[in-house]
Amino acid sequence: MANWRALPAGEAAELAGALHTLDWSWQLDDAPAVVEKFGWRTISSRPRRIMLDTGFGPDSGTIRAKNGQVTGIDLQLTEFADAVENTEVTAAFDSIATALTGKLGEPSARVAGPPPQYRWAGAEATIVLERSAASVWLHLVTNARLAADDRNIALDEQGLL
């Protein structure tokens, strides 16, 4: 892929900082104000999911909800890479992780994965930086949703799901 793009690490850190201090109702009805605040574009809106374009194309961002309550915001920080660009994904992840650590302090958790993650816990929600095989993602996830996801992963690893 020619001209592979990644959000500059400093901009990713500013975004993470703004998300980490975001004070809002966590109601899906209030999500359009968050979309506007960050300059994203809504592609589609459903009762459990708002699909966004955050600058990396349609579905480069998602606001997820359950029963009208937002459970997380997922944001793509790099374009998808092919196998040749995998080292660029790793380099972008490392650079962004360093910038986020400078902005938010040391991560509260480092998850080896897969996928590898760094987490910065907050009172209501946690910032998660994640490296998939082909891209880097930033998530703002409610602590309750993150705990449930971690529990389900642990149960799956034990063969109990």
Protein backbone atom coordinates (compact mmCIF):
# COMPACT_ATOMS: atom_id res chain seq x y z
CA MET A 1 0.00 0.00 0.00
CA ALA A 2 1.60 3.27 -1.09
CA ASN A 3 1.62 6.21 1.29
CA TRP A 4 0.49 4.27 4.35
CA ARG A 5 -0.80 6.77 6.92
CA ALA A 6 -0.81 6.94 10.68
CA LEU A 7 -2.06 9.67 12.99
CA PRO A 8 1.07 11.43 14.30
CA ALA A 9 1.94 10.23 17.80
CA GLY A 10 1.52 13.70 19.32
CA GLU A 11 -1.97 14.05 17.86
CA ALA A 12 -2.87 10.58 19.11
CA ALA A 13 -1.70 11.58 22.60
CA GLU A 14 -3.81 14.76 22.49
CA LEU A 15 -6.82 12.72 21.38
CA ALA A 16 -6.27 10.19 24.16
CA GLY A 17 -5.92 12.99 26.70
CA ALA A 18 -9.16 14.61 25.53
CA LEU A 19 -10.98 11.28 25.67
CA HIS A 20 -9.52 10.48 29.09
CA THR A 21 -10.96 13.70 30.53
CA LEU A 22 -14.20 13.63 28.53
CA ASP A 23 -17.08 14.46 30.86
CA TRP A 24 -20.43 13.44 29.42
CA SER A 25 -23.56 11.40 30.14
CA TRP A 26 -22.48 8.21 28.31
CA GLN A 27 -25.96 8.19 26.77
CA LEU A 28 -26.15 7.29 23.08
CA ASP A 29 -28.53 10.23 22.56
CA ASP A 30 -25.67 12.55 23.56
CA ALA A 31 -23.09 10.92 21.25
CA PRO A 32 -23.66 13.40 18.37
CA ALA A 33 -22.20 16.15 20.57
CA VAL A 34 -19.08 14.04 21.13
CA VAL A 35 -18.83 13.34 17.38
CA GLU A 36 -19.06 17.08 16.70
CA LYS A 37 -16.55 17.96 19.45
CA PHE A 38 -13.90 15.74 17.88
CA GLY A 39 -14.72 16.62 14.26
CA TRP A 40 -15.68 13.10 13.22
CA ARG A 41 -18.35 12.34 10.63
CA THR A 42 -21.29 10.01 11.27
CA ILE A 43 -21.69 7.38 8.55
CA SER A 44 -24.66 5.54 10.06
CA SER A 45 -26.50 5.42 13.34
CA ARG A 46 -28.22 2.38 14.83
CA PRO A 47 -29.55 1.69 18.34
CA ARG A 48 -26.34 -0.18 19.32
CA ARG A 49 -23.72 1.38 17.05
CA ILE A 50 -22.76 4.65 15.44
CA MET A 51 -20.33 4.16 12.57
CA LEU A 52 -17.86 7.03 12.09
CA ASP A 53 -15.29 8.33 9.69
CA THR A 54 -12.49 9.71 11.85
CA GLY A 55 -10.20 10.48 8.95
CA PHE A 56 -9.24 6.96 7.87
CA GLY A 57 -12.43 6.25 5.94
CA PRO A 58 -15.86 4.79 6.68
CA ASP A 59 -15.93 2.61 9.79
CA SER A 60 -12.65 4.03 11.09
CA GLY A 61 -14.51 4.77 14.30
CA THR A 62 -17.41 3.32 16.22
CA ILE A 63 -19.45 4.32 19.22
CA ARG A 64 -20.87 1.15 20.77
CA ALA A 65 -23.90 1.07 23.08
CA LYS A 66 -26.20 -1.27 24.95
CA ASN A 67 -29.70 -0.21 26.01
CA GLY A 68 -28.92 3.40 25.09
CA GLN A 69 -25.81 3.48 27.27
CA VAL A 70 -22.46 3.92 25.49
CA THR A 71 -19.99 1.18 26.38
CA GLY A 72 -17.06 2.28 24.24
CA ILE A 73 -15.58 4.38 21.50
CA ASP A 74 -13.20 2.71 19.02
CA LEU A 75 -10.90 4.82 16.84
CA GLN A 76 -8.52 3.69 14.12
CA LEU A 77 -5.17 5.51 14.37
CA THR A 78 -3.53 4.05 11.25
CA GLU A 79 -4.61 2.84 7.88
CA PHE A 80 -4.80 -0.90 7.46
CA ALA A 81 -1.45 -2.34 6.47
CA ASP A 82 -0.54 -5.27 4.32
CA ALA A 83 2.06 -7.85 5.39
CA VAL A 84 4.92 -5.73 4.02
CA GLU A 85 3.93 -2.81 6.25
CA ASN A 86 3.63 -4.80 9.47
CA THR A 87 6.83 -3.23 10.78
CA GLU A 88 5.25 0.20 10.20
CA VAL A 89 2.24 -0.83 12.32
CA THR A 90 4.57 -1.95 15.12
CA ALA A 91 6.61 1.26 14.87
CA ALA A 92 3.44 3.40 14.94
CA PHE A 93 2.13 1.47 17.97
CA ASP A 94 5.43 1.93 19.84
CA SER A 95 5.63 5.63 18.97
CA ILE A 96 2.02 6.29 19.97
CA ALA A 97 2.45 4.30 23.20
CA THR A 98 5.44 6.47 24.11
CA ALA A 99 3.46 9.65 23.38
CA LEU A 100 0.47 8.44 25.40
CA THR A 101 2.74 7.57 28.32
CA GLY A 102 4.14 11.10 28.16
CA LYS A 103 0.61 12.53 28.20
CA LEU A 104 -1.20 10.15 30.59
CA GLY A 105 1.64 8.68 32.68
CA GLU A 106 2.65 5.06 32.92
CA PRO A 107 -0.03 2.60 31.77
CA SER A 108 -2.08 1.01 34.52
CA ALA A 109 -1.80 -2.30 32.66
CA ARG A 110 0.16 -3.86 29.82
CA VAL A 111 -1.58 -6.80 28.18
CA ALA A 112 0.69 -9.07 26.13
CA GLY A 113 -2.26 -10.15 24.02
CA PRO A 114 -2.94 -11.04 21.41
CA PRO A 115 -3.65 -8.29 20.67
CA PRO A 116 -1.03 -6.30 22.60
CA GLN A 117 -2.53 -3.46 24.62
CA TYR A 118 -1.57 -0.66 26.95
CA ARG A 119 -4.27 0.61 29.31
CA TRP A 120 -4.72 3.82 31.25
CA ALA A 121 -7.51 3.42 33.80
CA GLY A 122 -9.80 6.28 34.73
CA ALA A 123 -12.62 6.59 37.25
CA GLU A 124 -15.37 5.55 34.77
CA ALA A 125 -13.51 4.45 31.68
CA THR A 126 -10.15 3.21 30.47
CA ILE A 127 -8.07 4.34 27.50
CA VAL A 128 -6.82 1.28 25.61
CA LEU A 129 -4.14 1.43 22.92
CA GLU A 130 -4.23 -1.76 20.85
CA ARG A 131 -2.13 -3.12 18.00
CA SER A 132 -3.94 -5.50 15.71
CA ALA A 133 -2.13 -7.38 12.96
CA ALA A 134 -2.88 -4.62 10.47
CA SER A 135 -3.65 -1.40 12.37
CA VAL A 136 -3.42 0.57 15.61
CA TRP A 137 -6.58 1.41 17.54
CA LEU A 138 -7.46 3.69 20.44
CA HIS A 139 -10.45 2.74 22.58
CA LEU A 140 -12.29 4.50 25.37
CA VAL A 141 -14.10 1.68 27.18
CA THR A 142 -16.24 1.83 30.28
CA ASN A 143 -14.59 -0.01 33.14
CA ALA A 144 -17.63 -2.30 33.46
CA ARG A 145 -17.45 -3.29 29.76
CA LEU A 146 -13.69 -3.82 29.94
CA ALA A 147 -14.03 -6.02 33.02
CA ALA A 148 -16.74 -8.08 31.29
CA ASP A 149 -14.60 -8.44 28.15
CA ASP A 150 -11.58 -9.53 30.22
CA ARG A 151 -13.72 -12.04 32.11
CA ASN A 152 -15.07 -13.49 28.86
CA ILE A 153 -11.55 -13.81 27.41
CA ALA A 154 -10.39 -15.62 30.56
CA LEU A 155 -13.38 -17.99 30.44
CA ASP A 156 -12.75 -18.65 26.74
CA GLU A 157 -9.08 -19.42 27.41
CA GLN A 158 -10.22 -21.94 30.02
CA GLY A 159 -12.58 -23.52 27.52
CA LEU A 160 -15.61 -22.49 29.55
CA LEU A 161 -17.33 -20.47 26.85
